[in-house]
Amino acid sequence: MIALKQVIEAYEARGFKIRHILGDGQLEHARKHVEKMGIILNVTSQDKHVTEIERFIRTVKERVWAVVNTLPTD
């Protein structure tokens, strides 16, 4: 819970307003604390992944791969 709060505070310090959190079942225990902060927590069912996050991770990996392959080898 402390780590989640630190992440939220770090984003808010940069000017972001956290309104929704998408996560897997491991965040279920933090629901009460997150909702007290005015944030909506959407948790997937057991052994499922958040498709939006998985797609974003794949996009970042593809972009990094594209940049790395444009660098000179020498």
PDB file of N, CA and C in Angstrom:
ATOM      1  N   MET A   1       0.820  -1.192   0.000  1.00  0.00           N
ATOM      2  CA  MET A   1       0.000   0.000   0.000  1.00  0.00           C
ATOM      3  C   MET A   1       0.859   1.250   0.000  1.00  0.00           C
ATOM      4  N   ILE A   2       1.971   1.217   0.719  1.00  0.00           N
ATOM      5  CA  ILE A   2       2.861   2.373   0.796  1.00  0.00           C
ATOM      6  C   ILE A   2       3.456   2.681  -0.574  1.00  0.00           C
ATOM      7  N   ALA A   3       3.865   1.644  -1.292  1.00  0.00           N
ATOM      8  CA  ALA A   3       4.449   1.851  -2.616  1.00  0.00           C
ATOM      9  C   ALA A   3       3.430   2.432  -3.582  1.00  0.00           C
ATOM     10  N   LEU A   4       2.199   1.941  -3.533  1.00  0.00           N
ATOM     11  CA  LEU A   4       1.147   2.456  -4.401  1.00  0.00           C
ATOM     12  C   LEU A   4       0.885   3.931  -4.106  1.00  0.00           C
ATOM     13  N   LYS A   5       0.845   4.283  -2.839  1.00  0.00           N
ATOM     14  CA  LYS A   5       0.636   5.674  -2.451  1.00  0.00           C
ATOM     15  C   LYS A   5       1.783   6.553  -2.933  1.00  0.00           C
ATOM     16  N   GLN A   6       3.010   6.057  -2.865  1.00  0.00           N
ATOM     17  CA  GLN A   6       4.169   6.814  -3.337  1.00  0.00           C
ATOM     18  C   GLN A   6       4.099   7.050  -4.843  1.00  0.00           C
ATOM     19  N   VAL A   7       3.660   6.051  -5.585  1.00  0.00           N
ATOM     20  CA  VAL A   7       3.529   6.203  -7.037  1.00  0.00           C
ATOM     21  C   VAL A   7       2.460   7.240  -7.369  1.00  0.00           C
ATOM     22  N   ILE A   8       1.334   7.160  -6.693  1.00  0.00           N
ATOM     23  CA  ILE A   8       0.254   8.130  -6.919  1.00  0.00           C
ATOM     24  C   ILE A   8       0.745   9.542  -6.611  1.00  0.00           C
ATOM     25  N   GLU A   9       1.424   9.714  -5.497  1.00  0.00           N
ATOM     26  CA  GLU A   9       1.944  11.032  -5.119  1.00  0.00           C
ATOM     27  C   GLU A   9       2.977  11.539  -6.115  1.00  0.00           C
ATOM     28  N   ALA A  10       3.812  10.650  -6.644  1.00  0.00           N
ATOM     29  CA  ALA A  10       4.818  11.059  -7.628  1.00  0.00           C
ATOM     30  C   ALA A  10       4.159  11.586  -8.900  1.00  0.00           C
ATOM     31  N   TYR A  11       3.106  10.912  -9.361  1.00  0.00           N
ATOM     32  CA  TYR A  11       2.410  11.380 -10.554  1.00  0.00           C
ATOM     33  C   TYR A  11       1.666  12.684 -10.284  1.00  0.00           C
ATOM     34  N   GLU A  12       1.067  12.808  -9.112  1.00  0.00           N
ATOM     35  CA  GLU A  12       0.352  14.040  -8.782  1.00  0.00           C
ATOM     36  C   GLU A  12       1.317  15.215  -8.645  1.00  0.00           C
ATOM     37  N   ALA A  13       2.539  14.968  -8.181  1.00  0.00           N
ATOM     38  CA  ALA A  13       3.546  16.024  -8.084  1.00  0.00           C
ATOM     39  C   ALA A  13       3.937  16.536  -9.469  1.00  0.00           C
ATOM     40  N   ARG A  14       3.773  15.696 -10.491  1.00  0.00           N
ATOM     41  CA  ARG A  14       4.083  16.095 -11.868  1.00  0.00           C
ATOM     42  C   ARG A  14       2.872  16.705 -12.576  1.00  0.00           C
ATOM     43  N   GLY A  15       1.761  16.855 -11.853  1.00  0.00           N
ATOM     44  CA  GLY A  15       0.600  17.509 -12.418  1.00  0.00           C
ATOM     45  C   GLY A  15      -0.495  16.593 -12.921  1.00  0.00           C
ATOM     46  N   PHE A  16      -0.328  15.295 -12.755  1.00  0.00           N
ATOM     47  CA  PHE A  16      -1.352  14.343 -13.187  1.00  0.00           C
ATOM     48  C   PHE A  16      -2.389  14.171 -12.089  1.00  0.00           C
ATOM     49  N   LYS A  17      -3.622  13.942 -12.474  1.00  0.00           N
ATOM     50  CA  LYS A  17      -4.695  13.637 -11.524  1.00  0.00           C
ATOM     51  C   LYS A  17      -5.091  12.179 -11.745  1.00  0.00           C
ATOM     52  N   ILE A  18      -4.840  11.333 -10.783  1.00  0.00           N
ATOM     53  CA  ILE A  18      -5.163   9.923 -10.884  1.00  0.00           C
ATOM     54  C   ILE A  18      -6.640   9.741 -10.553  1.00  0.00           C
ATOM     55  N   ARG A  19      -7.399   9.205 -11.501  1.00  0.00           N
ATOM     56  CA  ARG A  19      -8.821   8.973 -11.283  1.00  0.00           C
ATOM     57  C   ARG A  19      -9.184   7.496 -11.334  1.00  0.00           C
ATOM     58  N   HIS A  20      -8.440   6.723 -12.123  1.00  0.00           N
ATOM     59  CA  HIS A  20      -8.707   5.288 -12.279  1.00  0.00           C
ATOM     60  C   HIS A  20      -7.383   4.537 -12.197  1.00  0.00           C
ATOM     61  N   ILE A  21      -7.433   3.351 -11.630  1.00  0.00           N
ATOM     62  CA  ILE A  21      -6.294   2.444 -11.631  1.00  0.00           C
ATOM     63  C   ILE A  21      -6.787   1.112 -12.172  1.00  0.00           C
ATOM     64  N   LEU A  22      -6.092   0.602 -13.182  1.00  0.00           N
ATOM     65  CA  LEU A  22      -6.372  -0.726 -13.721  1.00  0.00           C
ATOM     66  C   LEU A  22      -5.322  -1.671 -13.158  1.00  0.00           C
ATOM     67  N   GLY A  23      -5.740  -2.800 -12.647  1.00  0.00           N
ATOM     68  CA  GLY A  23      -4.771  -3.724 -12.077  1.00  0.00           C
ATOM     69  C   GLY A  23      -5.283  -5.144 -12.027  1.00  0.00           C
ATOM     70  N   ASP A  24      -4.396  -6.030 -11.625  1.00  0.00           N
ATOM     71  CA  ASP A  24      -4.794  -7.420 -11.489  1.00  0.00           C
ATOM     72  C   ASP A  24      -5.261  -7.684 -10.061  1.00  0.00           C
ATOM     73  N   GLY A  25      -5.541  -8.915  -9.770  1.00  0.00           N
ATOM     74  CA  GLY A  25      -6.111  -9.287  -8.481  1.00  0.00           C
ATOM     75  C   GLY A  25      -5.244  -8.956  -7.277  1.00  0.00           C
ATOM     76  N   GLN A  26      -3.964  -8.735  -7.486  1.00  0.00           N
ATOM     77  CA  GLN A  26      -3.074  -8.428  -6.372  1.00  0.00           C
ATOM     78  C   GLN A  26      -3.382  -7.072  -5.741  1.00  0.00           C
ATOM     79  N   LEU A  27      -4.107  -6.212  -6.440  1.00  0.00           N
ATOM     80  CA  LEU A  27      -4.451  -4.900  -5.891  1.00  0.00           C
ATOM     81  C   LEU A  27      -5.761  -4.901  -5.116  1.00  0.00           C
ATOM     82  N   GLU A  28      -6.455  -6.003  -5.115  1.00  0.00           N
ATOM     83  CA  GLU A  28      -7.759  -6.061  -4.467  1.00  0.00           C
ATOM     84  C   GLU A  28      -7.681  -5.668  -2.985  1.00  0.00           C
ATOM     85  N   HIS A  29      -6.615  -6.046  -2.321  1.00  0.00           N
ATOM     86  CA  HIS A  29      -6.482  -5.737  -0.894  1.00  0.00           C
ATOM     87  C   HIS A  29      -6.386  -4.234  -0.624  1.00  0.00           C
ATOM     88  N   ALA A  30      -6.044  -3.445  -1.633  1.00  0.00           N
ATOM     89  CA  ALA A  30      -5.875  -2.001  -1.455  1.00  0.00           C
ATOM     90  C   ALA A  30      -7.119  -1.211  -1.843  1.00  0.00           C
ATOM     91  N   ARG A  31      -8.200  -1.894  -2.175  1.00  0.00           N
ATOM     92  CA  ARG A  31      -9.405  -1.225  -2.682  1.00  0.00           C
ATOM     93  C   ARG A  31      -9.912  -0.142  -1.731  1.00  0.00           C
ATOM     94  N   LYS A  32     -10.048  -0.447  -0.456  1.00  0.00           N
ATOM     95  CA  LYS A  32     -10.590   0.525   0.501  1.00  0.00           C
ATOM     96  C   LYS A  32      -9.714   1.772   0.587  1.00  0.00           C
ATOM     97  N   HIS A  33      -8.397   1.573   0.624  1.00  0.00           N
ATOM     98  CA  HIS A  33      -7.481   2.701   0.731  1.00  0.00           C
ATOM     99  C   HIS A  33      -7.515   3.566  -0.525  1.00  0.00           C
ATOM    100  N   VAL A  34      -7.570   2.920  -1.673  1.00  0.00           N
ATOM    101  CA  VAL A  34      -7.582   3.650  -2.939  1.00  0.00           C
ATOM    102  C   VAL A  34      -8.888   4.428  -3.092  1.00  0.00           C
ATOM    103  N   GLU A  35      -9.988   3.812  -2.744  1.00  0.00           N
ATOM    104  CA  GLU A  35     -11.277   4.496  -2.865  1.00  0.00           C
ATOM    105  C   GLU A  35     -11.401   5.663  -1.886  1.00  0.00           C
ATOM    106  N   LYS A  36     -10.732   5.586  -0.737  1.00  0.00           N
ATOM    107  CA  LYS A  36     -10.718   6.719   0.195  1.00  0.00           C
ATOM    108  C   LYS A  36     -10.021   7.930  -0.420  1.00  0.00           C
ATOM    109  N   MET A  37      -9.097   7.670  -1.345  1.00  0.00           N
ATOM    110  CA  MET A  37      -8.394   8.756  -2.030  1.00  0.00           C
ATOM    111  C   MET A  37      -9.193   9.296  -3.215  1.00  0.00           C
ATOM    112  N   GLY A  38     -10.378   8.736  -3.456  1.00  0.00           N
ATOM    113  CA  GLY A  38     -11.208   9.194  -4.557  1.00  0.00           C
ATOM    114  C   GLY A  38     -10.830   8.605  -5.900  1.00  0.00           C
ATOM    115  N   ILE A  39     -10.180   7.459  -5.878  1.00  0.00           N
ATOM    116  CA  ILE A  39      -9.721   6.801  -7.106  1.00  0.00           C
ATOM    117  C   ILE A  39     -10.535   5.532  -7.317  1.00  0.00           C
ATOM    118  N   ILE A  40     -10.948   5.311  -8.556  1.00  0.00           N
ATOM    119  CA  ILE A  40     -11.701   4.109  -8.894  1.00  0.00           C
ATOM    120  C   ILE A  40     -10.705   3.003  -9.234  1.00  0.00           C
ATOM    121  N   LEU A  41     -10.864   1.857  -8.598  1.00  0.00           N
ATOM    122  CA  LEU A  41      -9.974   0.718  -8.828  1.00  0.00           C
ATOM    123  C   LEU A  41     -10.714  -0.343  -9.625  1.00  0.00           C
ATOM    124  N   ASN A  42     -10.206  -0.650 -10.812  1.00  0.00           N
ATOM    125  CA  ASN A  42     -10.760  -1.720 -11.638  1.00  0.00           C
ATOM    126  C   ASN A  42      -9.793  -2.896 -11.600  1.00  0.00           C
ATOM    127  N   VAL A  43     -10.255  -3.992 -11.036  1.00  0.00           N
ATOM    128  CA  VAL A  43      -9.413  -5.179 -10.869  1.00  0.00           C
ATOM    129  C   VAL A  43      -9.939  -6.279 -11.781  1.00  0.00           C
ATOM    130  N   THR A  44      -9.023  -6.959 -12.459  1.00  0.00           N
ATOM    131  CA  THR A  44      -9.408  -8.076 -13.316  1.00  0.00           C
ATOM    132  C   THR A  44      -9.692  -9.303 -12.466  1.00  0.00           C
ATOM    133  N   SER A  45     -10.297 -10.289 -13.068  1.00  0.00           N
ATOM    134  CA  SER A  45     -10.546 -11.535 -12.350  1.00  0.00           C
ATOM    135  C   SER A  45      -9.233 -12.294 -12.167  1.00  0.00           C
ATOM    136  N   GLN A  46      -9.283 -13.321 -11.364  1.00  0.00           N
ATOM    137  CA  GLN A  46      -8.095 -14.095 -11.025  1.00  0.00           C
ATOM    138  C   GLN A  46      -7.403 -14.637 -12.275  1.00  0.00           C
ATOM    139  N   ASP A  47      -6.066 -14.564 -12.295  1.00  0.00           N
ATOM    140  CA  ASP A  47      -5.225 -15.076 -13.378  1.00  0.00           C
ATOM    141  C   ASP A  47      -5.504 -14.429 -14.730  1.00  0.00           C
ATOM    142  N   LYS A  48      -5.974 -13.204 -14.737  1.00  0.00           N
ATOM    143  CA  LYS A  48      -6.185 -12.464 -15.984  1.00  0.00           C
ATOM    144  C   LYS A  48      -5.254 -11.265 -16.002  1.00  0.00           C
ATOM    145  N   HIS A  49      -5.016 -10.728 -17.186  1.00  0.00           N
ATOM    146  CA  HIS A  49      -4.178  -9.555 -17.361  1.00  0.00           C
ATOM    147  C   HIS A  49      -5.025  -8.391 -17.836  1.00  0.00           C
ATOM    148  N   VAL A  50      -4.562  -7.181 -17.559  1.00  0.00           N
ATOM    149  CA  VAL A  50      -5.236  -5.984 -18.037  1.00  0.00           C
ATOM    150  C   VAL A  50      -4.778  -5.757 -19.474  1.00  0.00           C
ATOM    151  N   THR A  51      -5.684  -5.911 -20.414  1.00  0.00           N
ATOM    152  CA  THR A  51      -5.309  -5.876 -21.830  1.00  0.00           C
ATOM    153  C   THR A  51      -4.735  -4.533 -22.246  1.00  0.00           C
ATOM    154  N   GLU A  52      -5.247  -3.430 -21.699  1.00  0.00           N
ATOM    155  CA  GLU A  52      -4.728  -2.114 -22.064  1.00  0.00           C
ATOM    156  C   GLU A  52      -3.264  -1.975 -21.655  1.00  0.00           C
ATOM    157  N   ILE A  53      -2.930  -2.467 -20.483  1.00  0.00           N
ATOM    158  CA  ILE A  53      -1.554  -2.378 -19.997  1.00  0.00           C
ATOM    159  C   ILE A  53      -0.645  -3.298 -20.797  1.00  0.00           C
ATOM    160  N   GLU A  54      -1.102  -4.509 -21.062  1.00  0.00           N
ATOM    161  CA  GLU A  54      -0.300  -5.450 -21.847  1.00  0.00           C
ATOM    162  C   GLU A  54       0.005  -4.875 -23.232  1.00  0.00           C
ATOM    163  N   ARG A  55      -0.980  -4.246 -23.850  1.00  0.00           N
ATOM    164  CA  ARG A  55      -0.787  -3.644 -25.172  1.00  0.00           C
ATOM    165  C   ARG A  55       0.208  -2.496 -25.095  1.00  0.00           C
ATOM    166  N   PHE A  56       0.114  -1.675 -24.037  1.00  0.00           N
ATOM    167  CA  PHE A  56       1.033  -0.559 -23.877  1.00  0.00           C
ATOM    168  C   PHE A  56       2.461  -1.052 -23.694  1.00  0.00           C
ATOM    169  N   ILE A  57       2.650  -2.097 -22.898  1.00  0.00           N
ATOM    170  CA  ILE A  57       3.984  -2.664 -22.688  1.00  0.00           C
ATOM    171  C   ILE A  57       4.549  -3.169 -24.003  1.00  0.00           C
ATOM    172  N   ARG A  58       3.719  -3.843 -24.798  1.00  0.00           N
ATOM    173  CA  ARG A  58       4.162  -4.349 -26.098  1.00  0.00           C
ATOM    174  C   ARG A  58       4.560  -3.198 -27.023  1.00  0.00           C
ATOM    175  N   THR A  59       3.798  -2.105 -26.999  1.00  0.00           N
ATOM    176  CA  THR A  59       4.117  -0.945 -27.832  1.00  0.00           C
ATOM    177  C   THR A  59       5.446  -0.330 -27.425  1.00  0.00           C
ATOM    178  N   VAL A  60       5.683  -0.191 -26.135  1.00  0.00           N
ATOM    179  CA  VAL A  60       6.951   0.368 -25.659  1.00  0.00           C
ATOM    180  C   VAL A  60       8.112  -0.522 -26.082  1.00  0.00           C
ATOM    181  N   LYS A  61       7.960  -1.833 -25.943  1.00  0.00           N
ATOM    182  CA  LYS A  61       9.027  -2.759 -26.344  1.00  0.00           C
ATOM    183  C   LYS A  61       9.325  -2.639 -27.838  1.00  0.00           C
ATOM    184  N   GLU A  62       8.294  -2.527 -28.659  1.00  0.00           N
ATOM    185  CA  GLU A  62       8.494  -2.395 -30.101  1.00  0.00           C
ATOM    186  C   GLU A  62       9.213  -1.099 -30.446  1.00  0.00           C
ATOM    187  N   ARG A  63       8.875  -0.012 -29.771  1.00  0.00           N
ATOM    188  CA  ARG A  63       9.532   1.277 -30.037  1.00  0.00           C
ATOM    189  C   ARG A  63      10.988   1.249 -29.619  1.00  0.00           C
ATOM    190  N   VAL A  64      11.267   0.639 -28.459  1.00  0.00           N
ATOM    191  CA  VAL A  64      12.654   0.519 -28.013  1.00  0.00           C
ATOM    192  C   VAL A  64      13.432  -0.331 -28.994  1.00  0.00           C
ATOM    193  N   TRP A  65      12.866  -1.430 -29.445  1.00  0.00           N
ATOM    194  CA  TRP A  65      13.526  -2.306 -30.417  1.00  0.00           C
ATOM    195  C   TRP A  65      13.838  -1.528 -31.693  1.00  0.00           C
ATOM    196  N   ALA A  66      12.895  -0.715 -32.152  1.00  0.00           N
ATOM    197  CA  ALA A  66      13.098   0.058 -33.388  1.00  0.00           C
ATOM    198  C   ALA A  66      14.234   1.055 -33.220  1.00  0.00           C
ATOM    199  N   VAL A  67      14.313   1.724 -32.077  1.00  0.00           N
ATOM    200  CA  VAL A  67      15.394   2.693 -31.844  1.00  0.00           C
ATOM    201  C   VAL A  67      16.726   1.988 -31.741  1.00  0.00           C
ATOM    202  N   VAL A  68      16.776   0.899 -31.007  1.00  0.00           N
ATOM    203  CA  VAL A  68      18.035   0.166 -30.827  1.00  0.00           C
ATOM    204  C   VAL A  68      18.572  -0.307 -32.177  1.00  0.00           C
ATOM    205  N   ASN A  69      17.693  -0.741 -33.048  1.00  0.00           N
ATOM    206  CA  ASN A  69      18.148  -1.241 -34.342  1.00  0.00           C
ATOM    207  C   ASN A  69      18.536  -0.152 -35.331  1.00  0.00           C
ATOM    208  N   THR A  70      18.301   1.103 -34.994  1.00  0.00           N
ATOM    209  CA  THR A  70      18.768   2.191 -35.853  1.00  0.00           C
ATOM    210  C   THR A  70      20.120   2.738 -35.394  1.00  0.00           C
ATOM    211  N   LEU A  71      20.602   2.287 -34.242  1.00  0.00           N
ATOM    212  CA  LEU A  71      21.900   2.762 -33.737  1.00  0.00           C
ATOM    213  C   LEU A  71      23.040   2.095 -34.491  1.00  0.00           C
ATOM    214  N   PRO A  72      24.136   2.821 -34.657  1.00  0.00           N
ATOM    215  CA  PRO A  72      25.282   2.217 -35.334  1.00  0.00           C
ATOM    216  C   PRO A  72      25.879   1.081 -34.497  1.00  0.00           C
ATOM    217  N   THR A  73      26.445   0.109 -35.167  1.00  0.00           N
ATOM    218  CA  THR A  73      26.987  -1.057 -34.470  1.00  0.00           C
ATOM    219  C   THR A  73      28.433  -0.853 -34.038  1.00  0.00           C
ATOM    220  N   ASP A  74      29.092   0.146 -34.533  1.00  0.00           N
ATOM    221  CA  ASP A  74      30.504   0.369 -34.172  1.00  0.00           C
ATOM    222  C   ASP A  74      30.651   1.181 -32.953  1.00  0.00           C
TER     223      ASP A  74
END
